[in-house]
Every structure is written in structure tokens, then in C-alpha cells.
Amino acid sequence: MTSNPFERNSLLASLLYPPRPAGGDNALRGLLGLGAAPRPPLGNSLLGLLPVTADQYLRGILAREAVDVGLHSPVYQVQNALLPALNAWAGQWLMGVSPSGSFSKGTANKSGTDIDLFVSLRDDTPETLAEIYNKLDLRMKELGYVTRLQNVSIGITVAGQKVDLVPAKRQNLLTLDHSLYLRKAGTWRKTNVNTHAHLVQGCGRLEEIKILKLWRDQKGLEFPSFYIELTVINALGTGVFASPYGAVADNVLTVMRYLRDSFSTARVLDPANGNNVISDDLSAAEKYSIRAAAVAALAATRWDGIVV
């Protein structure tokens, strides 16, 4: 049994929380040789009468970070605000503009997620992908936006909302596959954002993914969202050998152990195109920073030392 009491939270849940044994939790832990119990993650609720479990603490954070994705939500307000400009820019070549990324997958957090708008252009658009990307950047600047050039997207701020515009050229009319420009490498990638959305939506790990994204943001890590989503799915597994669904605190710790032990050398492929190696999107130094942050998380004795 590990000497870190924090990593034993599956077992300790039955010892730390109601029904409480006579003589207190530490009395029973002493009989089992487990040592003194760590303090509850956020102190106590209900005027100190009931402790807060790890799952309750994390789900409280998720409730705070819940994102409105309805028709009157910020994502659609931003889309409607930008649509006239994008129509004027692309003209006849525009296939459509739609929310993508975390909003389409159900993994968005209120405090740390940009609004992704996928700008789909026809396959016979005459410009190259690099020209499309650079011309969209120029057009946004002409409209008064300060742009942030990212790997596949162009970041702007609209009415206080951070927005990532992802221009892409559809491969043909018979498929939803698109080609994206990779600015950092000066090349392109074929992928399918619909395939990504369906995979993540149905994975059963949305709570864990959102907690990992918050952890990334709060620790200032370079860790692309889709890479996080695939990493969580890989760490928790599927089928008979999958980690239990719904055990959010235990599962987050399982992901942290995966980040510590296996992440740096794991080869992660794009489920929409096996030729895309998602794990190549981070350098060895960036992966080391993620591993170091996971080691620190596993050494914490309270959940508010990991994510708040």
C-alpha cells in the first residue's frame, strides 16, 4: 500500500466520510495502521457538521465552471457577430461557420476555454491553406481586431470573449474531412472535427477532461485541449479494463499517474487520420513540464493543492 494517504482516496472514502465510526475516523484508521487522516479538501460544509468528499469538491468546481451552450449563449452570439465579416471575406467559397472544439464536445470550462469557430471553405477554393490563413489574419486586423497567431487558429477577442478562428478547406463534397494549415511547421494536416466531437462526446470521461483542462490552465502548462482529451481517454481505458465511470477523483489521480509514468513516451494518433501524430505537437521539454506538474499533484495532501 502506498505511503501517500492522498492516493488512497478510494479506500479512505469509506473511512473519512459518513457514517462516522465511534471515536472518530482517526481511531479507526489507527486500528488499520493507516495513520492520521488528511484534512477534508475544502474544510467542512453545513457549518462544519458534514465533511466534503473529494468527488463533491471536484463536482462543485465543475458546477462553477458550467458553460451555457444554448442558442443564446456567448458562443452563438459571437458566431452571429462574426458571420457577416466572414461571409464578406470568403464570399462564394464559404461552406459554413460552426462552433467546434470544447463547446461541441462538452468539455468547455467557463474560466479557461476559448470559443472555437470552424470556418469551412469549399474544396475548390483557389488559395493555398497558408494563403487562406494569412488572408484571414489580415482581414481581422483590417476590422480592428488584435490577432493571436496560433498553430491552426487565429485568436481574436470579441465582446470580451476569446475566440479562435480555425480556417479549413474541405477535401471534397463527399466527406467532412478538412485540411488545416499548421503554422508552426509550415505544412498541413487532414482531419475531421466531427469525428473528434463524436469520440469525445461518447467517451464517458467529460468530468475528468474538464478537471484536467482546469489543472492545465491553473498551472500554466502548454497542453493542447485535444491532446488532453485523448490522453484522459487513453489513461482511463475502455471496455472491461476501464477505470470506473463516475469516480471522478479516483480517475483524475489515475490520469496523473499516467502523466507521471507513461505520457512522455506515449504515441498518440489522431482518430480521424492515423498519419497525424498528436503527441508530436509538444516538445520534450513541454512534456517534461506536464510530467513534473503531475508529480507535484500526486504529492499534494489536499485537492485544493491540485485544482481550485
C-alpha atoms as a PDB file:
ATOM      1  CA  MET A   1       0.000   0.000   0.000  1.00  0.00           C
ATOM      2  CA  THR A   2       1.323   3.436  -0.974  1.00  0.00           C
ATOM      3  CA  SER A   3       2.581   5.670   1.835  1.00  0.00           C
ATOM      4  CA  ASN A   4       0.873   8.723   0.316  1.00  0.00           C
ATOM      5  CA  PRO A   5      -2.532   8.960   2.039  1.00  0.00           C
ATOM      6  CA  PHE A   6      -3.868  11.149  -0.735  1.00  0.00           C
ATOM      7  CA  GLU A   7      -3.501   8.404  -3.341  1.00  0.00           C
ATOM      8  CA  ARG A   8      -5.538   6.029  -1.180  1.00  0.00           C
ATOM      9  CA  ASN A   9      -8.727   8.056  -1.536  1.00  0.00           C
ATOM     10  CA  SER A  10     -10.773   5.108  -2.868  1.00  0.00           C
ATOM     11  CA  LEU A  11     -10.192   3.217   0.369  1.00  0.00           C
ATOM     12  CA  LEU A  12     -10.284   6.300   2.559  1.00  0.00           C
ATOM     13  CA  ALA A  13     -13.675   7.380   1.258  1.00  0.00           C
ATOM     14  CA  SER A  14     -15.251   4.697   3.453  1.00  0.00           C
ATOM     15  CA  LEU A  15     -13.145   5.828   6.407  1.00  0.00           C
ATOM     16  CA  LEU A  16     -13.188   9.597   6.094  1.00  0.00           C
ATOM     17  CA  TYR A  17     -16.840  10.260   5.412  1.00  0.00           C
ATOM     18  CA  PRO A  18     -20.260   9.344   6.964  1.00  0.00           C
ATOM     19  CA  PRO A  19     -21.262   7.125   8.591  1.00  0.00           C
ATOM     20  CA  ARG A  20     -18.562   8.135  11.072  1.00  0.00           C
ATOM     21  CA  PRO A  21     -17.251   5.455  13.478  1.00  0.00           C
ATOM     22  CA  ALA A  22     -17.314   5.899  17.230  1.00  0.00           C
ATOM     23  CA  GLY A  23     -14.143   7.629  18.352  1.00  0.00           C
ATOM     24  CA  GLY A  24     -13.708   9.388  15.012  1.00  0.00           C
ATOM     25  CA  ASP A  25     -12.095   8.475  11.709  1.00  0.00           C
ATOM     26  CA  ASN A  26      -8.568   8.595  13.032  1.00  0.00           C
ATOM     27  CA  ALA A  27      -9.412   5.983  15.686  1.00  0.00           C
ATOM     28  CA  LEU A  28     -10.460   3.507  13.009  1.00  0.00           C
ATOM     29  CA  ARG A  29      -7.536   4.432  10.791  1.00  0.00           C
ATOM     30  CA  GLY A  30      -5.235   3.808  13.715  1.00  0.00           C
ATOM     31  CA  LEU A  31      -6.632   0.294  14.116  1.00  0.00           C
ATOM     32  CA  LEU A  32      -5.944  -0.324  10.426  1.00  0.00           C
ATOM     33  CA  GLY A  33      -2.463   1.147  10.636  1.00  0.00           C
ATOM     34  CA  LEU A  34      -3.236   3.855   8.083  1.00  0.00           C
ATOM     35  CA  GLY A  35      -2.037   6.846  10.103  1.00  0.00           C
ATOM     36  CA  ALA A  36      -3.817  10.129  10.641  1.00  0.00           C
ATOM     37  CA  ALA A  37      -6.388  11.151   8.057  1.00  0.00           C
ATOM     38  CA  PRO A  38      -5.683  14.161   5.848  1.00  0.00           C
ATOM     39  CA  ARG A  39      -7.927  17.159   6.264  1.00  0.00           C
ATOM     40  CA  PRO A  40     -11.002  17.302   4.003  1.00  0.00           C
ATOM     41  CA  PRO A  41     -10.271  19.052   0.718  1.00  0.00           C
ATOM     42  CA  LEU A  42     -12.031  22.326   1.464  1.00  0.00           C
ATOM     43  CA  GLY A  43     -12.775  22.083   5.147  1.00  0.00           C
ATOM     44  CA  ASN A  44     -16.363  21.221   6.020  1.00  0.00           C
ATOM     45  CA  SER A  45     -19.777  22.142   4.704  1.00  0.00           C
ATOM     46  CA  LEU A  46     -23.032  22.816   6.546  1.00  0.00           C
ATOM     47  CA  LEU A  47     -21.432  24.851   9.325  1.00  0.00           C
ATOM     48  CA  GLY A  48     -18.803  22.183   9.927  1.00  0.00           C
ATOM     49  CA  LEU A  49     -21.270  19.342  10.502  1.00  0.00           C
ATOM     50  CA  LEU A  50     -20.575  17.315   7.347  1.00  0.00           C
ATOM     51  CA  PRO A  51     -17.256  16.784   5.571  1.00  0.00           C
ATOM     52  CA  VAL A  52     -16.822  17.337   1.833  1.00  0.00           C
ATOM     53  CA  THR A  53     -15.721  14.339  -0.203  1.00  0.00           C
ATOM     54  CA  ALA A  54     -13.190  14.603  -2.996  1.00  0.00           C
ATOM     55  CA  ASP A  55     -15.863  13.924  -5.620  1.00  0.00           C
ATOM     56  CA  GLN A  56     -18.137  16.569  -4.089  1.00  0.00           C
ATOM     57  CA  TYR A  57     -15.312  19.093  -4.144  1.00  0.00           C
ATOM     58  CA  LEU A  58     -14.492  18.445  -7.806  1.00  0.00           C
ATOM     59  CA  ARG A  59     -18.128  18.476  -8.873  1.00  0.00           C
ATOM     60  CA  GLY A  60     -18.562  21.768  -7.054  1.00  0.00           C
ATOM     61  CA  ILE A  61     -15.800  23.183  -9.242  1.00  0.00           C
ATOM     62  CA  LEU A  62     -17.442  21.704 -12.349  1.00  0.00           C
ATOM     63  CA  ALA A  63     -20.751  23.328 -11.401  1.00  0.00           C
ATOM     64  CA  ARG A  64     -18.980  26.670 -11.066  1.00  0.00           C
ATOM     65  CA  GLU A  65     -17.356  26.165 -14.480  1.00  0.00           C
ATOM     66  CA  ALA A  66     -20.509  25.067 -16.318  1.00  0.00           C
ATOM     67  CA  VAL A  67     -20.830  26.676 -19.745  1.00  0.00           C
ATOM     68  CA  ASP A  68     -24.040  27.802 -21.421  1.00  0.00           C
ATOM     69  CA  VAL A  69     -24.194  26.221 -24.888  1.00  0.00           C
ATOM     70  CA  GLY A  70     -27.792  27.184 -25.700  1.00  0.00           C
ATOM     71  CA  LEU A  71     -28.859  29.230 -28.717  1.00  0.00           C
ATOM     72  CA  HIS A  72     -28.475  32.473 -26.749  1.00  0.00           C
ATOM     73  CA  SER A  73     -25.090  31.553 -25.274  1.00  0.00           C
ATOM     74  CA  PRO A  74     -21.903  33.570 -25.910  1.00  0.00           C
ATOM     75  CA  VAL A  75     -20.651  31.051 -28.483  1.00  0.00           C
ATOM     76  CA  TYR A  76     -23.625  31.677 -30.775  1.00  0.00           C
ATOM     77  CA  GLN A  77     -23.640  35.412 -30.094  1.00  0.00           C
ATOM     78  CA  VAL A  78     -20.002  35.554 -31.212  1.00  0.00           C
ATOM     79  CA  GLN A  79     -20.732  33.388 -34.246  1.00  0.00           C
ATOM     80  CA  ASN A  80     -23.588  35.676 -35.314  1.00  0.00           C
ATOM     81  CA  ALA A  81     -21.448  38.776 -34.750  1.00  0.00           C
ATOM     82  CA  LEU A  82     -18.607  37.472 -36.933  1.00  0.00           C
ATOM     83  CA  LEU A  83     -20.653  35.804 -39.678  1.00  0.00           C
ATOM     84  CA  PRO A  84     -21.161  38.933 -41.828  1.00  0.00           C
ATOM     85  CA  ALA A  85     -17.421  39.651 -41.821  1.00  0.00           C
ATOM     86  CA  LEU A  86     -16.536  36.037 -42.622  1.00  0.00           C
ATOM     87  CA  ASN A  87     -19.117  35.941 -45.420  1.00  0.00           C
ATOM     88  CA  ALA A  88     -17.662  39.117 -46.909  1.00  0.00           C
ATOM     89  CA  TRP A  89     -14.125  37.740 -46.612  1.00  0.00           C
ATOM     90  CA  ALA A  90     -14.744  34.274 -48.098  1.00  0.00           C
ATOM     91  CA  GLY A  91     -17.616  35.032 -50.456  1.00  0.00           C
ATOM     92  CA  GLN A  92     -18.718  32.094 -52.594  1.00  0.00           C
ATOM     93  CA  TRP A  93     -16.052  29.814 -51.105  1.00  0.00           C
ATOM     94  CA  LEU A  94     -17.567  29.722 -47.618  1.00  0.00           C
ATOM     95  CA  MET A  95     -19.276  26.422 -46.763  1.00  0.00           C
ATOM     96  CA  GLY A  96     -20.219  27.384 -43.223  1.00  0.00           C
ATOM     97  CA  VAL A  97     -19.153  28.571 -39.778  1.00  0.00           C
ATOM     98  CA  SER A  98     -19.877  26.432 -36.715  1.00  0.00           C
ATOM     99  CA  PRO A  99     -18.774  26.005 -33.092  1.00  0.00           C
ATOM    100  CA  SER A 100     -16.108  23.345 -32.680  1.00  0.00           C
ATOM    101  CA  GLY A 101     -13.544  22.333 -30.089  1.00  0.00           C
ATOM    102  CA  SER A 102     -14.547  22.143 -26.441  1.00  0.00           C
ATOM    103  CA  PHE A 103     -18.011  23.606 -26.951  1.00  0.00           C
ATOM    104  CA  SER A 104     -19.013  20.975 -29.487  1.00  0.00           C
ATOM    105  CA  LYS A 105     -17.523  18.167 -27.376  1.00  0.00           C
ATOM    106  CA  GLY A 106     -18.980  19.171 -23.990  1.00  0.00           C
ATOM    107  CA  THR A 107     -15.566  19.771 -22.385  1.00  0.00           C
ATOM    108  CA  ALA A 108     -15.611  23.567 -22.104  1.00  0.00           C
ATOM    109  CA  ASN A 109     -14.901  25.410 -18.848  1.00  0.00           C
ATOM    110  CA  LYS A 110     -16.204  28.907 -18.225  1.00  0.00           C
ATOM    111  CA  SER A 111     -12.904  30.288 -16.945  1.00  0.00           C
ATOM    112  CA  GLY A 112     -10.427  28.834 -19.385  1.00  0.00           C
ATOM    113  CA  THR A 113     -11.851  27.914 -22.749  1.00  0.00           C
ATOM    114  CA  ASP A 114     -11.681  29.974 -25.919  1.00  0.00           C
ATOM    115  CA  ILE A 115     -14.627  29.830 -28.295  1.00  0.00           C
ATOM    116  CA  ASP A 116     -13.581  27.818 -31.362  1.00  0.00           C
ATOM    117  CA  LEU A 117     -15.300  28.669 -34.642  1.00  0.00           C
ATOM    118  CA  PHE A 118     -14.597  26.296 -37.516  1.00  0.00           C
ATOM    119  CA  VAL A 119     -14.547  28.174 -40.835  1.00  0.00           C
ATOM    120  CA  SER A 120     -15.164  25.625 -43.603  1.00  0.00           C
ATOM    121  CA  LEU A 121     -14.209  26.580 -47.167  1.00  0.00           C
ATOM    122  CA  ARG A 122     -15.001  24.753 -50.389  1.00  0.00           C
ATOM    123  CA  ASP A 123     -12.512  22.235 -51.742  1.00  0.00           C
ATOM    124  CA  ASP A 124     -12.062  24.304 -54.916  1.00  0.00           C
ATOM    125  CA  THR A 125     -11.074  27.471 -53.040  1.00  0.00           C
ATOM    126  CA  PRO A 126      -8.185  28.765 -55.201  1.00  0.00           C
ATOM    127  CA  GLU A 127      -5.900  29.964 -52.373  1.00  0.00           C
ATOM    128  CA  THR A 128      -3.480  27.641 -50.623  1.00  0.00           C
ATOM    129  CA  LEU A 129      -4.016  26.853 -46.952  1.00  0.00           C
ATOM    130  CA  ALA A 130      -1.208  29.216 -45.971  1.00  0.00           C
ATOM    131  CA  GLU A 131      -2.761  31.993 -48.071  1.00  0.00           C
ATOM    132  CA  ILE A 132      -6.182  31.356 -46.514  1.00  0.00           C
ATOM    133  CA  TYR A 133      -4.745  31.536 -43.018  1.00  0.00           C
ATOM    134  CA  ASN A 134      -2.728  34.700 -43.667  1.00  0.00           C
ATOM    135  CA  LYS A 135      -5.532  36.477 -45.537  1.00  0.00           C
ATOM    136  CA  LEU A 136      -7.972  35.761 -42.698  1.00  0.00           C
ATOM    137  CA  ASP A 137      -5.448  37.175 -40.245  1.00  0.00           C
ATOM    138  CA  LEU A 138      -5.073  40.309 -42.373  1.00  0.00           C
ATOM    139  CA  ARG A 139      -8.843  40.723 -42.704  1.00  0.00           C
ATOM    140  CA  MET A 140      -9.355  40.509 -38.937  1.00  0.00           C
ATOM    141  CA  LYS A 141      -6.672  43.155 -38.431  1.00  0.00           C
ATOM    142  CA  GLU A 142      -8.360  45.403 -41.001  1.00  0.00           C
ATOM    143  CA  LEU A 143     -11.561  45.104 -38.964  1.00  0.00           C
ATOM    144  CA  GLY A 144      -9.717  46.335 -35.874  1.00  0.00           C
ATOM    145  CA  TYR A 145      -9.083  43.047 -34.078  1.00  0.00           C
ATOM    146  CA  VAL A 146      -5.769  42.281 -32.415  1.00  0.00           C
ATOM    147  CA  THR A 147      -4.895  38.803 -33.651  1.00  0.00           C
ATOM    148  CA  ARG A 148      -3.025  35.967 -31.937  1.00  0.00           C
ATOM    149  CA  LEU A 149      -1.398  33.603 -34.425  1.00  0.00           C
ATOM    150  CA  GLN A 150      -1.627  30.039 -33.120  1.00  0.00           C
ATOM    151  CA  ASN A 151      -0.846  26.702 -34.700  1.00  0.00           C
ATOM    152  CA  VAL A 152      -4.074  26.051 -36.630  1.00  0.00           C
ATOM    153  CA  SER A 153      -6.167  29.010 -35.490  1.00  0.00           C
ATOM    154  CA  ILE A 154      -6.226  32.793 -35.328  1.00  0.00           C
ATOM    155  CA  GLY A 155      -7.201  34.200 -31.951  1.00  0.00           C
ATOM    156  CA  ILE A 156      -9.198  37.398 -31.527  1.00  0.00           C
ATOM    157  CA  THR A 157     -11.331  38.896 -28.764  1.00  0.00           C
ATOM    158  CA  VAL A 158     -14.991  39.677 -29.474  1.00  0.00           C
ATOM    159  CA  ALA A 159     -17.094  41.464 -26.848  1.00  0.00           C
ATOM    160  CA  GLY A 160     -14.730  40.263 -24.134  1.00  0.00           C
ATOM    161  CA  GLN A 161     -14.777  36.647 -25.359  1.00  0.00           C
ATOM    162  CA  LYS A 162     -11.595  34.942 -26.571  1.00  0.00           C
ATOM    163  CA  VAL A 163     -12.312  33.405 -29.965  1.00  0.00           C
ATOM    164  CA  ASP A 164     -10.191  31.040 -32.068  1.00  0.00           C
ATOM    165  CA  LEU A 165     -10.990  31.060 -35.781  1.00  0.00           C
ATOM    166  CA  VAL A 166      -9.967  27.788 -37.454  1.00  0.00           C
ATOM    167  CA  PRO A 167      -9.923  28.143 -41.252  1.00  0.00           C
ATOM    168  CA  ALA A 168     -10.012  24.859 -43.150  1.00  0.00           C
ATOM    169  CA  LYS A 169     -10.549  23.627 -46.686  1.00  0.00           C
ATOM    170  CA  ARG A 170     -12.951  20.736 -47.209  1.00  0.00           C
ATOM    171  CA  GLN A 171     -11.303  17.868 -49.076  1.00  0.00           C
ATOM    172  CA  ASN A 172     -14.299  17.105 -51.312  1.00  0.00           C
ATOM    173  CA  LEU A 173     -18.095  17.193 -51.334  1.00  0.00           C
ATOM    174  CA  LEU A 174     -18.390  13.519 -50.373  1.00  0.00           C
ATOM    175  CA  THR A 175     -16.660  13.815 -46.999  1.00  0.00           C
ATOM    176  CA  LEU A 176     -16.428  16.047 -43.947  1.00  0.00           C
ATOM    177  CA  ASP A 177     -12.645  15.666 -43.916  1.00  0.00           C
ATOM    178  CA  HIS A 178     -10.835  19.011 -43.989  1.00  0.00           C
ATOM    179  CA  SER A 179      -7.287  20.205 -44.496  1.00  0.00           C
ATOM    180  CA  LEU A 180      -5.869  22.507 -41.807  1.00  0.00           C
ATOM    181  CA  TYR A 181      -2.830  24.742 -42.054  1.00  0.00           C
ATOM    182  CA  LEU A 182      -0.148  24.049 -39.426  1.00  0.00           C
ATOM    183  CA  ARG A 183       1.548  27.415 -38.998  1.00  0.00           C
ATOM    184  CA  LYS A 184       4.397  26.244 -36.756  1.00  0.00           C
ATOM    185  CA  ALA A 185       5.522  23.541 -39.181  1.00  0.00           C
ATOM    186  CA  GLY A 186       4.530  25.348 -42.370  1.00  0.00           C
ATOM    187  CA  THR A 187       2.603  22.309 -43.568  1.00  0.00           C
ATOM    188  CA  TRP A 188      -0.944  20.941 -43.461  1.00  0.00           C
ATOM    189  CA  ARG A 189      -2.959  18.186 -41.823  1.00  0.00           C
ATOM    190  CA  LYS A 190      -6.067  16.276 -42.874  1.00  0.00           C
ATOM    191  CA  THR A 191      -8.556  15.697 -40.077  1.00  0.00           C
ATOM    192  CA  ASN A 192     -12.259  15.555 -39.243  1.00  0.00           C
ATOM    193  CA  VAL A 193     -13.571  17.650 -36.364  1.00  0.00           C
ATOM    194  CA  ASN A 194     -16.884  15.770 -36.428  1.00  0.00           C
ATOM    195  CA  THR A 195     -15.073  12.504 -35.727  1.00  0.00           C
ATOM    196  CA  HIS A 196     -13.258  14.192 -32.839  1.00  0.00           C
ATOM    197  CA  ALA A 197     -16.505  15.545 -31.383  1.00  0.00           C
ATOM    198  CA  HIS A 198     -18.329  12.204 -31.559  1.00  0.00           C
ATOM    199  CA  LEU A 199     -15.416  10.361 -29.934  1.00  0.00           C
ATOM    200  CA  VAL A 200     -15.120  12.748 -27.001  1.00  0.00           C
ATOM    201  CA  GLN A 201     -18.861  13.228 -26.523  1.00  0.00           C
ATOM    202  CA  GLY A 202     -19.333   9.491 -26.106  1.00  0.00           C
ATOM    203  CA  CYS A 203     -16.246   8.662 -24.039  1.00  0.00           C
ATOM    204  CA  GLY A 204     -17.909   8.984 -20.611  1.00  0.00           C
ATOM    205  CA  ARG A 205     -14.937  10.972 -19.259  1.00  0.00           C
ATOM    206  CA  LEU A 206     -16.111  14.572 -19.660  1.00  0.00           C
ATOM    207  CA  GLU A 207     -15.777  15.388 -15.947  1.00  0.00           C
ATOM    208  CA  GLU A 208     -12.185  14.183 -15.799  1.00  0.00           C
ATOM    209  CA  ILE A 209     -11.299  16.016 -19.020  1.00  0.00           C
ATOM    210  CA  LYS A 210     -12.697  19.304 -17.719  1.00  0.00           C
ATOM    211  CA  ILE A 211     -10.797  18.950 -14.434  1.00  0.00           C
ATOM    212  CA  LEU A 212      -7.565  18.244 -16.343  1.00  0.00           C
ATOM    213  CA  LYS A 213      -8.130  21.312 -18.510  1.00  0.00           C
ATOM    214  CA  LEU A 214      -8.612  23.477 -15.420  1.00  0.00           C
ATOM    215  CA  TRP A 215      -5.447  21.987 -13.906  1.00  0.00           C
ATOM    216  CA  ARG A 216      -3.542  22.797 -17.117  1.00  0.00           C
ATOM    217  CA  ASP A 217      -4.768  26.393 -17.122  1.00  0.00           C
ATOM    218  CA  GLN A 218      -4.087  26.964 -13.429  1.00  0.00           C
ATOM    219  CA  LYS A 219      -0.571  25.522 -13.691  1.00  0.00           C
ATOM    220  CA  GLY A 220       0.200  27.420 -16.907  1.00  0.00           C
ATOM    221  CA  LEU A 221       1.012  24.308 -18.937  1.00  0.00           C
ATOM    222  CA  GLU A 222       1.273  24.080 -22.706  1.00  0.00           C
ATOM    223  CA  PHE A 223      -1.065  21.156 -23.361  1.00  0.00           C
ATOM    224  CA  PRO A 224      -3.471  21.333 -26.351  1.00  0.00           C
ATOM    225  CA  SER A 225      -7.067  20.525 -25.471  1.00  0.00           C
ATOM    226  CA  PHE A 226      -7.489  17.678 -27.959  1.00  0.00           C
ATOM    227  CA  TYR A 227      -4.244  16.137 -26.707  1.00  0.00           C
ATOM    228  CA  ILE A 228      -5.654  16.305 -23.150  1.00  0.00           C
ATOM    229  CA  GLU A 229      -8.904  14.674 -24.258  1.00  0.00           C
ATOM    230  CA  LEU A 230      -7.126  11.774 -25.955  1.00  0.00           C
ATOM    231  CA  THR A 231      -4.721  11.412 -23.018  1.00  0.00           C
ATOM    232  CA  VAL A 232      -7.558  11.124 -20.494  1.00  0.00           C
ATOM    233  CA  ILE A 233      -9.318   8.529 -22.647  1.00  0.00           C
ATOM    234  CA  ASN A 234      -6.099   6.539 -23.055  1.00  0.00           C
ATOM    235  CA  ALA A 235      -5.227   6.756 -19.355  1.00  0.00           C
ATOM    236  CA  LEU A 236      -8.647   5.576 -18.144  1.00  0.00           C
ATOM    237  CA  GLY A 237      -9.173   2.927 -20.800  1.00  0.00           C
ATOM    238  CA  THR A 238     -12.290   1.440 -22.329  1.00  0.00           C
ATOM    239  CA  GLY A 239     -14.148  -1.830 -22.148  1.00  0.00           C
ATOM    240  CA  VAL A 240     -13.649  -4.468 -19.449  1.00  0.00           C
ATOM    241  CA  PHE A 241     -10.423  -2.978 -18.115  1.00  0.00           C
ATOM    242  CA  ALA A 242     -11.615   0.629 -17.991  1.00  0.00           C
ATOM    243  CA  SER A 243     -11.418   2.685 -14.810  1.00  0.00           C
ATOM    244  CA  PRO A 244     -14.861   3.052 -13.179  1.00  0.00           C
ATOM    245  CA  TYR A 245     -17.108   5.636 -14.796  1.00  0.00           C
ATOM    246  CA  GLY A 246     -18.205   8.450 -12.499  1.00  0.00           C
ATOM    247  CA  ALA A 247     -15.399   8.050  -9.949  1.00  0.00           C
ATOM    248  CA  VAL A 248     -14.059  11.464 -10.853  1.00  0.00           C
ATOM    249  CA  ALA A 249     -11.492  11.931  -8.042  1.00  0.00           C
ATOM    250  CA  ASP A 250     -10.017   8.437  -8.378  1.00  0.00           C
ATOM    251  CA  ASN A 251      -9.916   8.805 -12.140  1.00  0.00           C
ATOM    252  CA  VAL A 252      -8.166  12.175 -12.068  1.00  0.00           C
ATOM    253  CA  LEU A 253      -5.467  10.597  -9.903  1.00  0.00           C
ATOM    254  CA  THR A 254      -5.200   7.719 -12.368  1.00  0.00           C
ATOM    255  CA  VAL A 255      -4.616  10.239 -15.137  1.00  0.00           C
ATOM    256  CA  MET A 256      -1.975  11.981 -13.022  1.00  0.00           C
ATOM    257  CA  ARG A 257      -0.140   8.682 -12.555  1.00  0.00           C
ATOM    258  CA  TYR A 258      -0.343   8.111 -16.315  1.00  0.00           C
ATOM    259  CA  LEU A 259       1.141  11.566 -16.901  1.00  0.00           C
ATOM    260  CA  ARG A 260       3.924  10.722 -14.466  1.00  0.00           C
ATOM    261  CA  ASP A 261       4.712   7.244 -15.756  1.00  0.00           C
ATOM    262  CA  SER A 262       3.689   6.875 -19.410  1.00  0.00           C
ATOM    263  CA  PHE A 263       2.771  10.188 -21.012  1.00  0.00           C
ATOM    264  CA  SER A 264       6.216  11.317 -22.167  1.00  0.00           C
ATOM    265  CA  THR A 265       6.755   8.283 -24.384  1.00  0.00           C
ATOM    266  CA  ALA A 266       3.143   7.544 -25.409  1.00  0.00           C
ATOM    267  CA  ARG A 267       2.456   7.847 -29.138  1.00  0.00           C
ATOM    268  CA  VAL A 268      -0.975   9.444 -29.623  1.00  0.00           C
ATOM    269  CA  LEU A 269      -2.604   9.370 -33.064  1.00  0.00           C
ATOM    270  CA  ASP A 270      -5.453  11.406 -34.500  1.00  0.00           C
ATOM    271  CA  PRO A 271      -8.524   9.100 -34.545  1.00  0.00           C
ATOM    272  CA  ALA A 272      -9.632  10.768 -37.787  1.00  0.00           C
ATOM    273  CA  ASN A 273      -6.286  10.258 -39.528  1.00  0.00           C
ATOM    274  CA  GLY A 274      -3.637   7.858 -38.264  1.00  0.00           C
ATOM    275  CA  ASN A 275      -0.942   9.755 -40.146  1.00  0.00           C
ATOM    276  CA  ASN A 276      -1.338  12.664 -37.699  1.00  0.00           C
ATOM    277  CA  VAL A 277       0.784  12.100 -34.590  1.00  0.00           C
ATOM    278  CA  ILE A 278      -0.857  14.322 -31.982  1.00  0.00           C
ATOM    279  CA  SER A 279       1.906  13.604 -29.467  1.00  0.00           C
ATOM    280  CA  ASP A 280       4.363  15.355 -31.800  1.00  0.00           C
ATOM    281  CA  ASP A 281       2.577  18.659 -31.129  1.00  0.00           C
ATOM    282  CA  LEU A 282       4.554  19.089 -27.879  1.00  0.00           C
ATOM    283  CA  SER A 283       8.295  19.225 -27.425  1.00  0.00           C
ATOM    284  CA  ALA A 284      10.172  17.004 -24.983  1.00  0.00           C
ATOM    285  CA  ALA A 285      10.577  19.997 -22.666  1.00  0.00           C
ATOM    286  CA  GLU A 286       6.830  20.729 -22.714  1.00  0.00           C
ATOM    287  CA  LYS A 287       6.065  17.086 -21.918  1.00  0.00           C
ATOM    288  CA  TYR A 288       8.564  17.176 -19.061  1.00  0.00           C
ATOM    289  CA  SER A 289       6.772  20.204 -17.584  1.00  0.00           C
ATOM    290  CA  ILE A 290       3.474  18.302 -17.688  1.00  0.00           C
ATOM    291  CA  ARG A 291       5.053  15.275 -16.011  1.00  0.00           C
ATOM    292  CA  ALA A 292       6.609  17.469 -13.299  1.00  0.00           C
ATOM    293  CA  ALA A 293       3.242  19.096 -12.600  1.00  0.00           C
ATOM    294  CA  ALA A 294       1.629  15.652 -12.304  1.00  0.00           C
ATOM    295  CA  VAL A 295       4.318  14.545  -9.829  1.00  0.00           C
ATOM    296  CA  ALA A 296       3.570  17.641  -7.745  1.00  0.00           C
ATOM    297  CA  ALA A 297      -0.169  16.910  -7.903  1.00  0.00           C
ATOM    298  CA  LEU A 298       0.333  13.367  -6.648  1.00  0.00           C
ATOM    299  CA  ALA A 299       2.407  14.693  -3.741  1.00  0.00           C
ATOM    300  CA  ALA A 300      -0.404  17.025  -2.623  1.00  0.00           C
ATOM    301  CA  THR A 301      -2.334  16.252   0.562  1.00  0.00           C
ATOM    302  CA  ARG A 302      -5.415  18.305  -0.309  1.00  0.00           C
ATOM    303  CA  TRP A 303      -7.400  18.646  -3.514  1.00  0.00           C
ATOM    304  CA  ASP A 304      -7.170  22.428  -3.397  1.00  0.00           C
ATOM    305  CA  GLY A 305      -3.430  21.907  -3.868  1.00  0.00           C
ATOM    306  CA  ILE A 306      -4.209  20.444  -7.299  1.00  0.00           C
ATOM    307  CA  VAL A 307      -7.154  22.392  -8.678  1.00  0.00           C
ATOM    308  CA  VAL A 308      -9.334  25.179  -7.302  1.00  0.00           C
END
